[in-house]
Amino acid sequence: MNRYARGLSERGFRVVRFDFPGSRKNEPLERAYLAVVTRVARQFPEAPLTIGGKSMGGRIASLIASKQSLPIRGLVFFGYPLHPPGKPEHRRDAHLPNVRVPMLFVSGTRDPFASPAELRALTKTFGAKLMLVEGGDHSLEVPRSAKVGQGDVDARIWDAVADFCATESRSGAARSPRRAP
């Protein structure tokens, strides 16, 4: 996440990073994330706020956004863990219909936590945006043999996220919750 925070900062966005408590249980992770969102929103009340994170961090962001009325304009997921690797029947998306802000999923085509087909279907269901990183893994890293180098891949990701955040901060449009088919 350090390189993504740096890339977004270079594009004029204020980025806040934090460490979760040592727990793997949702409740303390949600409390920690909610405390950060509340503190940032209080400190910068005029600034449009988009939240998200890498893997579990993004999932926790979506969980609090599905349960709380937050002062946020959107969610960005870097490698959303739709299911554990090799266990597509154990999905982690039941709460997503309750998220009322626009969402952007950034995922590698080699991510074992979510296939491109699964994410296409998911984002279509919720009207979310999807950016697939060709050859990218769960950390959005491409092999050294890839046609496009990691620096160029990262720049494309940063530009897409910056565009999403800028667009959502201008529109401020919340969406109605949708139910999965």
N, C-alpha and C. Protein backbone atom coordinates (compact mmCIF):
# COMPACT_ATOMS: atom_id res chain seq x y z
N MET A 1 0.82 -1.20 0.00
CA MET A 1 0.00 0.00 0.00
C MET A 1 0.86 1.26 0.00
N ASN A 2 2.10 1.15 0.46
CA ASN A 2 2.95 2.34 0.47
C ASN A 2 3.10 2.95 -0.92
N ARG A 3 3.32 2.10 -1.92
CA ARG A 3 3.51 2.65 -3.27
C ARG A 3 2.21 3.27 -3.80
N TYR A 4 1.05 2.72 -3.44
CA TYR A 4 -0.21 3.30 -3.89
C TYR A 4 -0.49 4.61 -3.15
N ALA A 5 -0.19 4.67 -1.89
CA ALA A 5 -0.35 5.92 -1.14
C ALA A 5 0.54 7.00 -1.73
N ARG A 6 1.78 6.65 -2.05
CA ARG A 6 2.71 7.61 -2.63
C ARG A 6 2.21 8.08 -4.02
N GLY A 7 1.78 7.14 -4.85
CA GLY A 7 1.30 7.49 -6.18
C GLY A 7 0.07 8.39 -6.15
N LEU A 8 -0.84 8.14 -5.23
CA LEU A 8 -2.03 8.99 -5.11
C LEU A 8 -1.68 10.35 -4.52
N SER A 9 -0.76 10.37 -3.57
CA SER A 9 -0.30 11.65 -3.01
C SER A 9 0.32 12.52 -4.09
N GLU A 10 1.10 11.89 -4.97
CA GLU A 10 1.73 12.62 -6.07
C GLU A 10 0.69 13.18 -7.05
N ARG A 11 -0.50 12.63 -7.02
CA ARG A 11 -1.58 13.11 -7.88
C ARG A 11 -2.50 14.09 -7.15
N GLY A 12 -2.06 14.55 -5.99
CA GLY A 12 -2.77 15.60 -5.28
C GLY A 12 -3.80 15.16 -4.26
N PHE A 13 -3.82 13.87 -3.93
CA PHE A 13 -4.78 13.37 -2.95
C PHE A 13 -4.12 13.21 -1.58
N ARG A 14 -4.88 13.57 -0.56
CA ARG A 14 -4.44 13.33 0.81
C ARG A 14 -4.75 11.87 1.12
N VAL A 15 -3.76 11.12 1.54
CA VAL A 15 -3.91 9.70 1.81
C VAL A 15 -3.61 9.44 3.28
N VAL A 16 -4.49 8.69 3.93
CA VAL A 16 -4.29 8.32 5.33
C VAL A 16 -4.13 6.81 5.37
N ARG A 17 -3.04 6.36 5.96
CA ARG A 17 -2.82 4.92 6.16
C ARG A 17 -2.80 4.64 7.65
N PHE A 18 -3.13 3.41 8.02
CA PHE A 18 -3.09 3.02 9.42
C PHE A 18 -2.91 1.52 9.51
N ASP A 19 -2.49 1.06 10.67
CA ASP A 19 -2.34 -0.36 10.92
C ASP A 19 -3.54 -0.85 11.72
N PHE A 20 -4.05 -2.01 11.33
CA PHE A 20 -5.13 -2.64 12.09
C PHE A 20 -4.59 -3.23 13.38
N PRO A 21 -5.47 -3.43 14.38
CA PRO A 21 -5.04 -4.16 15.58
C PRO A 21 -4.71 -5.60 15.18
N GLY A 22 -4.06 -6.33 16.04
CA GLY A 22 -3.60 -7.67 15.74
C GLY A 22 -4.69 -8.72 15.56
N SER A 23 -5.92 -8.36 15.65
CA SER A 23 -7.02 -9.31 15.55
C SER A 23 -7.34 -9.64 14.10
N ARG A 24 -7.89 -10.83 13.87
CA ARG A 24 -8.40 -11.21 12.55
C ARG A 24 -9.93 -11.27 12.58
N LYS A 25 -10.53 -10.91 13.71
CA LYS A 25 -11.98 -10.91 13.84
C LYS A 25 -12.52 -9.59 13.31
N ASN A 26 -13.68 -9.66 12.66
CA ASN A 26 -14.24 -8.47 12.03
C ASN A 26 -14.53 -7.33 12.99
N GLU A 27 -15.10 -7.62 14.15
CA GLU A 27 -15.56 -6.55 15.04
C GLU A 27 -14.45 -5.58 15.45
N PRO A 28 -13.30 -6.03 15.96
CA PRO A 28 -12.27 -5.05 16.32
C PRO A 28 -11.67 -4.35 15.10
N LEU A 29 -11.62 -5.04 13.96
CA LEU A 29 -11.11 -4.41 12.74
C LEU A 29 -12.06 -3.32 12.27
N GLU A 30 -13.35 -3.60 12.32
CA GLU A 30 -14.35 -2.60 11.94
C GLU A 30 -14.30 -1.39 12.86
N ARG A 31 -14.18 -1.64 14.17
CA ARG A 31 -14.09 -0.53 15.13
C ARG A 31 -12.89 0.35 14.83
N ALA A 32 -11.75 -0.29 14.56
CA ALA A 32 -10.53 0.47 14.28
C ALA A 32 -10.70 1.31 13.01
N TYR A 33 -11.26 0.72 11.97
CA TYR A 33 -11.43 1.44 10.70
C TYR A 33 -12.42 2.59 10.88
N LEU A 34 -13.53 2.32 11.55
CA LEU A 34 -14.53 3.35 11.80
C LEU A 34 -13.95 4.52 12.59
N ALA A 35 -13.10 4.23 13.56
CA ALA A 35 -12.46 5.30 14.34
C ALA A 35 -11.59 6.19 13.45
N VAL A 36 -10.87 5.58 12.52
CA VAL A 36 -10.03 6.36 11.61
C VAL A 36 -10.90 7.22 10.69
N VAL A 37 -11.95 6.65 10.12
CA VAL A 37 -12.84 7.41 9.23
C VAL A 37 -13.46 8.58 9.99
N THR A 38 -13.92 8.34 11.19
CA THR A 38 -14.54 9.39 12.00
C THR A 38 -13.55 10.50 12.29
N ARG A 39 -12.33 10.13 12.66
CA ARG A 39 -11.30 11.12 12.99
C ARG A 39 -10.93 11.95 11.75
N VAL A 40 -10.75 11.30 10.61
CA VAL A 40 -10.38 12.01 9.38
C VAL A 40 -11.52 12.93 8.94
N ALA A 41 -12.74 12.45 9.00
CA ALA A 41 -13.89 13.27 8.59
C ALA A 41 -14.02 14.50 9.48
N ARG A 42 -13.73 14.36 10.77
CA ARG A 42 -13.79 15.49 11.69
C ARG A 42 -12.66 16.48 11.41
N GLN A 43 -11.47 15.95 11.12
CA GLN A 43 -10.31 16.80 10.89
C GLN A 43 -10.40 17.56 9.57
N PHE A 44 -11.02 16.94 8.55
CA PHE A 44 -11.11 17.55 7.22
C PHE A 44 -12.56 17.53 6.75
N PRO A 45 -13.45 18.27 7.40
CA PRO A 45 -14.88 18.17 7.08
C PRO A 45 -15.23 18.63 5.66
N GLU A 46 -14.41 19.47 5.06
CA GLU A 46 -14.71 19.97 3.72
C GLU A 46 -14.21 19.04 2.62
N ALA A 47 -13.37 18.10 2.96
CA ALA A 47 -12.75 17.25 1.94
C ALA A 47 -13.61 16.03 1.62
N PRO A 48 -13.82 15.76 0.32
CA PRO A 48 -14.53 14.53 -0.04
C PRO A 48 -13.69 13.33 0.39
N LEU A 49 -14.33 12.33 0.92
CA LEU A 49 -13.62 11.18 1.50
C LEU A 49 -13.99 9.91 0.76
N THR A 50 -12.96 9.22 0.27
CA THR A 50 -13.10 7.90 -0.33
C THR A 50 -12.29 6.97 0.54
N ILE A 51 -12.86 5.81 0.86
CA ILE A 51 -12.13 4.85 1.69
C ILE A 51 -11.93 3.56 0.91
N GLY A 52 -11.10 2.71 1.45
CA GLY A 52 -10.85 1.42 0.82
C GLY A 52 -9.63 0.78 1.43
N GLY A 53 -9.01 -0.10 0.67
CA GLY A 53 -7.82 -0.74 1.16
C GLY A 53 -7.44 -1.95 0.33
N LYS A 54 -6.36 -2.57 0.77
CA LYS A 54 -5.83 -3.75 0.12
C LYS A 54 -6.38 -4.98 0.80
N SER A 55 -6.96 -5.86 0.04
CA SER A 55 -7.46 -7.15 0.50
C SER A 55 -8.38 -7.00 1.71
N MET A 56 -7.95 -7.49 2.88
CA MET A 56 -8.79 -7.43 4.07
C MET A 56 -9.17 -5.99 4.42
N GLY A 57 -8.27 -5.05 4.22
CA GLY A 57 -8.57 -3.65 4.51
C GLY A 57 -9.74 -3.13 3.68
N GLY A 58 -9.79 -3.52 2.42
CA GLY A 58 -10.91 -3.14 1.58
C GLY A 58 -12.20 -3.81 2.01
N ARG A 59 -12.09 -5.08 2.38
CA ARG A 59 -13.29 -5.80 2.83
C ARG A 59 -13.85 -5.16 4.09
N ILE A 60 -12.99 -4.80 5.02
CA ILE A 60 -13.45 -4.15 6.26
C ILE A 60 -14.05 -2.78 5.94
N ALA A 61 -13.45 -2.05 5.01
CA ALA A 61 -14.03 -0.76 4.60
C ALA A 61 -15.44 -0.96 4.07
N SER A 62 -15.62 -2.00 3.26
CA SER A 62 -16.96 -2.24 2.70
C SER A 62 -17.94 -2.70 3.78
N LEU A 63 -17.46 -3.43 4.76
CA LEU A 63 -18.35 -3.85 5.85
C LEU A 63 -18.86 -2.65 6.63
N ILE A 64 -17.97 -1.72 6.99
CA ILE A 64 -18.45 -0.56 7.75
C ILE A 64 -19.33 0.32 6.87
N ALA A 65 -19.01 0.42 5.58
CA ALA A 65 -19.85 1.23 4.69
C ALA A 65 -21.23 0.61 4.51
N SER A 66 -21.33 -0.70 4.65
CA SER A 66 -22.63 -1.35 4.50
C SER A 66 -23.50 -1.23 5.74
N LYS A 67 -22.88 -0.92 6.88
CA LYS A 67 -23.60 -0.88 8.16
C LYS A 67 -23.80 0.52 8.70
N GLN A 68 -22.94 1.45 8.33
CA GLN A 68 -22.93 2.78 8.93
C GLN A 68 -23.27 3.82 7.88
N SER A 69 -23.82 4.92 8.33
CA SER A 69 -23.97 6.08 7.46
C SER A 69 -22.68 6.88 7.61
N LEU A 70 -21.82 6.79 6.61
CA LEU A 70 -20.51 7.43 6.68
C LEU A 70 -20.42 8.61 5.73
N PRO A 71 -19.59 9.59 6.05
CA PRO A 71 -19.43 10.76 5.16
C PRO A 71 -18.44 10.44 4.03
N ILE A 72 -18.73 9.39 3.27
CA ILE A 72 -17.81 8.98 2.21
C ILE A 72 -18.49 9.09 0.84
N ARG A 73 -17.65 9.25 -0.18
CA ARG A 73 -18.15 9.38 -1.55
C ARG A 73 -17.92 8.11 -2.36
N GLY A 74 -17.06 7.20 -1.89
CA GLY A 74 -16.79 6.00 -2.66
C GLY A 74 -15.88 5.05 -1.93
N LEU A 75 -15.75 3.87 -2.50
CA LEU A 75 -14.88 2.81 -1.98
C LEU A 75 -13.95 2.33 -3.08
N VAL A 76 -12.68 2.12 -2.74
CA VAL A 76 -11.70 1.58 -3.68
C VAL A 76 -11.09 0.33 -3.06
N PHE A 77 -11.11 -0.76 -3.83
CA PHE A 77 -10.58 -2.04 -3.37
C PHE A 77 -9.38 -2.43 -4.21
N PHE A 78 -8.26 -2.66 -3.56
CA PHE A 78 -7.07 -3.18 -4.22
C PHE A 78 -6.98 -4.65 -3.88
N GLY A 79 -7.38 -5.51 -4.81
CA GLY A 79 -7.35 -6.95 -4.56
C GLY A 79 -8.41 -7.37 -3.55
N TYR A 80 -9.67 -7.18 -3.88
CA TYR A 80 -10.75 -7.56 -2.96
C TYR A 80 -10.76 -9.08 -2.77
N PRO A 81 -10.78 -9.56 -1.52
CA PRO A 81 -10.78 -11.00 -1.25
C PRO A 81 -12.19 -11.58 -1.32
N LEU A 82 -12.67 -11.80 -2.53
CA LEU A 82 -14.04 -12.28 -2.73
C LEU A 82 -14.28 -13.63 -2.07
N HIS A 83 -13.24 -14.45 -2.04
CA HIS A 83 -13.30 -15.77 -1.38
C HIS A 83 -11.88 -16.22 -1.10
N PRO A 84 -11.70 -17.18 -0.18
CA PRO A 84 -10.35 -17.71 0.03
C PRO A 84 -9.88 -18.43 -1.25
N PRO A 85 -8.58 -18.45 -1.50
CA PRO A 85 -8.07 -19.14 -2.69
C PRO A 85 -8.54 -20.61 -2.73
N GLY A 86 -9.05 -21.00 -3.88
CA GLY A 86 -9.50 -22.37 -4.06
C GLY A 86 -10.84 -22.70 -3.43
N LYS A 87 -11.52 -21.71 -2.83
CA LYS A 87 -12.80 -21.94 -2.16
C LYS A 87 -13.84 -20.92 -2.63
N PRO A 88 -14.20 -20.96 -3.92
CA PRO A 88 -15.14 -19.95 -4.42
C PRO A 88 -16.53 -20.03 -3.81
N GLU A 89 -16.84 -21.13 -3.14
CA GLU A 89 -18.14 -21.25 -2.49
C GLU A 89 -18.21 -20.46 -1.17
N HIS A 90 -17.09 -20.00 -0.66
CA HIS A 90 -17.03 -19.23 0.59
C HIS A 90 -16.91 -17.73 0.27
N ARG A 91 -17.95 -17.19 -0.33
CA ARG A 91 -17.90 -15.80 -0.78
C ARG A 91 -18.03 -14.81 0.38
N ARG A 92 -17.41 -13.65 0.15
CA ARG A 92 -17.40 -12.57 1.14
C ARG A 92 -18.02 -11.31 0.54
N ASP A 93 -19.21 -11.46 -0.03
CA ASP A 93 -19.84 -10.32 -0.67
C ASP A 93 -21.30 -10.10 -0.28
N ALA A 94 -21.81 -10.84 0.69
CA ALA A 94 -23.23 -10.74 1.06
C ALA A 94 -23.61 -9.32 1.51
N HIS A 95 -22.68 -8.58 2.05
CA HIS A 95 -22.96 -7.23 2.55
C HIS A 95 -22.93 -6.16 1.46
N LEU A 96 -22.33 -6.44 0.32
CA LEU A 96 -22.13 -5.42 -0.70
C LEU A 96 -23.41 -4.79 -1.24
N PRO A 97 -24.54 -5.50 -1.31
CA PRO A 97 -25.76 -4.82 -1.76
C PRO A 97 -26.17 -3.65 -0.86
N ASN A 98 -25.68 -3.63 0.37
CA ASN A 98 -26.04 -2.56 1.30
C ASN A 98 -25.10 -1.35 1.24
N VAL A 99 -24.07 -1.41 0.41
CA VAL A 99 -23.17 -0.28 0.24
C VAL A 99 -23.85 0.71 -0.69
N ARG A 100 -23.92 1.96 -0.28
CA ARG A 100 -24.68 2.97 -1.02
C ARG A 100 -23.83 4.01 -1.72
N VAL A 101 -22.56 3.72 -1.87
CA VAL A 101 -21.68 4.65 -2.58
C VAL A 101 -21.01 3.89 -3.74
N PRO A 102 -20.52 4.63 -4.73
CA PRO A 102 -19.84 3.97 -5.85
C PRO A 102 -18.61 3.19 -5.37
N MET A 103 -18.32 2.12 -6.10
CA MET A 103 -17.19 1.25 -5.76
C MET A 103 -16.32 1.02 -6.98
N LEU A 104 -15.01 0.96 -6.74
CA LEU A 104 -14.04 0.60 -7.77
C LEU A 104 -13.24 -0.59 -7.26
N PHE A 105 -13.26 -1.66 -8.04
CA PHE A 105 -12.48 -2.86 -7.74
C PHE A 105 -11.28 -2.88 -8.67
N VAL A 106 -10.07 -2.95 -8.11
CA VAL A 106 -8.84 -3.09 -8.89
C VAL A 106 -8.29 -4.46 -8.55
N SER A 107 -8.17 -5.31 -9.57
CA SER A 107 -7.78 -6.69 -9.31
C SER A 107 -6.88 -7.23 -10.41
N GLY A 108 -5.96 -8.08 -10.02
CA GLY A 108 -5.11 -8.75 -10.99
C GLY A 108 -5.81 -9.93 -11.62
N THR A 109 -5.49 -10.21 -12.86
CA THR A 109 -6.12 -11.34 -13.55
C THR A 109 -5.63 -12.68 -13.03
N ARG A 110 -4.54 -12.68 -12.25
CA ARG A 110 -4.04 -13.91 -11.63
C ARG A 110 -4.33 -13.96 -10.13
N ASP A 111 -5.27 -13.19 -9.67
CA ASP A 111 -5.59 -13.13 -8.24
C ASP A 111 -6.38 -14.38 -7.83
N PRO A 112 -5.84 -15.21 -6.93
CA PRO A 112 -6.56 -16.42 -6.52
C PRO A 112 -7.77 -16.14 -5.62
N PHE A 113 -7.91 -14.89 -5.15
CA PHE A 113 -9.03 -14.53 -4.28
C PHE A 113 -10.27 -14.11 -5.06
N ALA A 114 -10.13 -13.91 -6.38
CA ALA A 114 -11.28 -13.51 -7.21
C ALA A 114 -10.86 -13.57 -8.68
N SER A 115 -11.57 -14.35 -9.44
CA SER A 115 -11.25 -14.44 -10.88
C SER A 115 -11.85 -13.23 -11.60
N PRO A 116 -11.31 -12.93 -12.78
CA PRO A 116 -11.90 -11.84 -13.57
C PRO A 116 -13.39 -12.08 -13.86
N ALA A 117 -13.77 -13.31 -14.16
CA ALA A 117 -15.19 -13.61 -14.44
C ALA A 117 -16.05 -13.34 -13.21
N GLU A 118 -15.58 -13.75 -12.04
CA GLU A 118 -16.35 -13.50 -10.81
C GLU A 118 -16.51 -12.00 -10.56
N LEU A 119 -15.44 -11.25 -10.77
CA LEU A 119 -15.51 -9.80 -10.53
C LEU A 119 -16.35 -9.09 -11.57
N ARG A 120 -16.30 -9.54 -12.81
CA ARG A 120 -17.16 -8.93 -13.83
C ARG A 120 -18.63 -9.11 -13.45
N ALA A 121 -18.98 -10.31 -13.04
CA ALA A 121 -20.38 -10.58 -12.65
C ALA A 121 -20.75 -9.76 -11.42
N LEU A 122 -19.87 -9.71 -10.44
CA LEU A 122 -20.14 -8.97 -9.20
C LEU A 122 -20.32 -7.49 -9.48
N THR A 123 -19.39 -6.89 -10.20
CA THR A 123 -19.47 -5.44 -10.44
C THR A 123 -20.66 -5.08 -11.31
N LYS A 124 -21.03 -5.96 -12.22
CA LYS A 124 -22.22 -5.72 -13.04
C LYS A 124 -23.47 -5.72 -12.16
N THR A 125 -23.53 -6.64 -11.22
CA THR A 125 -24.68 -6.73 -10.32
C THR A 125 -24.85 -5.46 -9.50
N PHE A 126 -23.76 -4.87 -9.04
CA PHE A 126 -23.83 -3.70 -8.16
C PHE A 126 -23.60 -2.38 -8.89
N GLY A 127 -23.36 -2.44 -10.18
CA GLY A 127 -23.08 -1.21 -10.91
C GLY A 127 -21.76 -0.59 -10.51
N ALA A 128 -20.83 -1.42 -10.04
CA ALA A 128 -19.51 -0.94 -9.62
C ALA A 128 -18.56 -0.91 -10.82
N LYS A 129 -17.45 -0.23 -10.64
CA LYS A 129 -16.43 -0.17 -11.69
C LYS A 129 -15.37 -1.23 -11.40
N LEU A 130 -14.77 -1.72 -12.48
CA LEU A 130 -13.74 -2.76 -12.38
C LEU A 130 -12.56 -2.40 -13.24
N MET A 131 -11.38 -2.47 -12.66
CA MET A 131 -10.13 -2.34 -13.41
C MET A 131 -9.36 -3.63 -13.23
N LEU A 132 -9.16 -4.36 -14.32
CA LEU A 132 -8.37 -5.59 -14.26
C LEU A 132 -6.94 -5.29 -14.68
N VAL A 133 -6.00 -5.79 -13.89
CA VAL A 133 -4.58 -5.62 -14.17
C VAL A 133 -4.10 -6.91 -14.82
N GLU A 134 -3.86 -6.85 -16.12
CA GLU A 134 -3.45 -8.03 -16.88
C GLU A 134 -2.15 -8.61 -16.31
N GLY A 135 -2.23 -9.87 -15.91
CA GLY A 135 -1.07 -10.57 -15.35
C GLY A 135 -0.82 -10.27 -13.88
N GLY A 136 -1.61 -9.38 -13.29
CA GLY A 136 -1.40 -9.00 -11.89
C GLY A 136 -1.85 -10.08 -10.93
N ASP A 137 -1.16 -10.17 -9.80
CA ASP A 137 -1.54 -11.11 -8.75
C ASP A 137 -2.38 -10.39 -7.70
N HIS A 138 -2.51 -10.98 -6.54
CA HIS A 138 -3.35 -10.38 -5.49
C HIS A 138 -2.80 -9.03 -5.02
N SER A 139 -1.50 -8.83 -5.16
CA SER A 139 -0.87 -7.56 -4.80
C SER A 139 -0.73 -6.63 -6.00
N LEU A 140 -1.36 -7.01 -7.11
CA LEU A 140 -1.35 -6.24 -8.35
C LEU A 140 0.04 -6.15 -8.96
N GLU A 141 0.86 -7.11 -8.64
CA GLU A 141 2.20 -7.16 -9.20
C GLU A 141 2.20 -8.07 -10.42
N VAL A 142 2.86 -7.60 -11.47
CA VAL A 142 2.94 -8.36 -12.71
C VAL A 142 4.30 -9.07 -12.77
N PRO A 143 4.37 -10.18 -13.51
CA PRO A 143 5.65 -10.86 -13.65
C PRO A 143 6.67 -9.98 -14.37
N ARG A 144 7.93 -10.22 -14.11
CA ARG A 144 8.99 -9.45 -14.79
C ARG A 144 8.92 -9.63 -16.29
N SER A 145 8.37 -10.75 -16.73
CA SER A 145 8.27 -11.03 -18.17
C SER A 145 7.06 -10.35 -18.83
N ALA A 146 6.27 -9.61 -18.06
CA ALA A 146 5.07 -8.95 -18.60
C ALA A 146 5.46 -7.91 -19.66
N LYS A 147 4.56 -7.70 -20.59
CA LYS A 147 4.81 -6.73 -21.66
C LYS A 147 4.91 -5.31 -21.12
N VAL A 148 4.19 -5.04 -20.04
CA VAL A 148 4.20 -3.72 -19.41
C VAL A 148 4.86 -3.85 -18.05
N GLY A 149 5.81 -2.96 -17.76
CA GLY A 149 6.53 -3.01 -16.49
C GLY A 149 5.67 -2.59 -15.30
N GLN A 150 6.11 -2.97 -14.10
CA GLN A 150 5.37 -2.66 -12.89
C GLN A 150 5.15 -1.17 -12.69
N GLY A 151 6.14 -0.37 -13.00
CA GLY A 151 5.99 1.09 -12.85
C GLY A 151 4.86 1.63 -13.71
N ASP A 152 4.76 1.16 -14.94
CA ASP A 152 3.68 1.60 -15.82
C ASP A 152 2.33 1.09 -15.34
N VAL A 153 2.31 -0.16 -14.87
CA VAL A 153 1.06 -0.73 -14.32
C VAL A 153 0.60 0.10 -13.13
N ASP A 154 1.53 0.38 -12.21
CA ASP A 154 1.17 1.18 -11.04
C ASP A 154 0.64 2.55 -11.45
N ALA A 155 1.29 3.20 -12.41
CA ALA A 155 0.84 4.53 -12.86
C ALA A 155 -0.58 4.46 -13.42
N ARG A 156 -0.89 3.41 -14.16
CA ARG A 156 -2.25 3.26 -14.70
C ARG A 156 -3.26 3.08 -13.56
N ILE A 157 -2.88 2.30 -12.56
CA ILE A 157 -3.77 2.10 -11.41
C ILE A 157 -3.98 3.42 -10.68
N TRP A 158 -2.91 4.14 -10.39
CA TRP A 158 -3.03 5.42 -9.69
C TRP A 158 -3.90 6.39 -10.47
N ASP A 159 -3.71 6.43 -11.79
CA ASP A 159 -4.53 7.33 -12.61
C ASP A 159 -6.00 6.95 -12.56
N ALA A 160 -6.29 5.64 -12.62
CA ALA A 160 -7.69 5.18 -12.58
C ALA A 160 -8.33 5.49 -11.23
N VAL A 161 -7.58 5.27 -10.16
CA VAL A 161 -8.12 5.56 -8.82
C VAL A 161 -8.30 7.06 -8.64
N ALA A 162 -7.34 7.85 -9.10
CA ALA A 162 -7.45 9.30 -8.99
C ALA A 162 -8.66 9.81 -9.78
N ASP A 163 -8.87 9.27 -10.97
CA ASP A 163 -10.03 9.65 -11.78
C ASP A 163 -11.34 9.27 -11.07
N PHE A 164 -11.39 8.06 -10.53
CA PHE A 164 -12.57 7.61 -9.80
C PHE A 164 -12.85 8.54 -8.61
N CYS A 165 -11.83 8.82 -7.82
CA CYS A 165 -12.02 9.67 -6.64
C CYS A 165 -12.44 11.08 -7.04
N ALA A 166 -11.83 11.62 -8.06
CA ALA A 166 -12.18 12.97 -8.50
C ALA A 166 -13.61 13.01 -9.04
N THR A 167 -13.98 12.01 -9.81
CA THR A 167 -15.33 11.95 -10.37
C THR A 167 -16.36 11.81 -9.26
N GLU A 168 -16.12 10.91 -8.32
CA GLU A 168 -17.09 10.70 -7.23
C GLU A 168 -17.15 11.88 -6.29
N SER A 169 -16.04 12.59 -6.09
CA SER A 169 -16.09 13.75 -5.20
C SER A 169 -16.88 14.88 -5.84
N ARG A 170 -16.85 14.96 -7.18
CA ARG A 170 -17.65 15.99 -7.86
C ARG A 170 -19.13 15.64 -7.86
N SER A 171 -19.41 14.36 -8.09
CA SER A 171 -20.83 13.97 -8.22
C SER A 171 -21.49 13.85 -6.86
N GLY A 172 -20.79 13.26 -5.91
CA GLY A 172 -21.37 13.07 -4.59
C GLY A 172 -22.59 12.19 -4.60
N ALA A 173 -22.78 11.44 -5.66
CA ALA A 173 -24.00 10.65 -5.82
C ALA A 173 -23.90 9.33 -5.07
N ALA A 174 -24.81 9.14 -4.18
CA ALA A 174 -24.93 7.85 -3.51
C ALA A 174 -25.84 6.98 -4.35
N ARG A 175 -25.69 5.69 -4.21
CA ARG A 175 -26.57 4.79 -4.97
C ARG A 175 -27.49 4.07 -4.01
N SER A 176 -28.57 3.61 -4.54
CA SER A 176 -29.50 2.83 -3.73
C SER A 176 -28.98 1.43 -3.58
N PRO A 177 -29.23 0.80 -2.44
CA PRO A 177 -28.76 -0.57 -2.29
C PRO A 177 -29.47 -1.47 -3.30
N ARG A 178 -28.72 -2.43 -3.83
CA ARG A 178 -29.30 -3.37 -4.78
C ARG A 178 -29.14 -4.77 -4.22
N ARG A 179 -30.04 -5.60 -4.57
CA ARG A 179 -29.99 -6.98 -4.14
C ARG A 179 -29.38 -7.83 -5.24
N ALA A 180 -28.55 -8.74 -4.86
CA ALA A 180 -27.97 -9.65 -5.84
C ALA A 180 -29.08 -10.55 -6.39
N PRO A 181 -28.94 -10.92 -7.67
CA PRO A 181 -29.97 -11.79 -8.25
C PRO A 181 -29.97 -13.17 -7.63
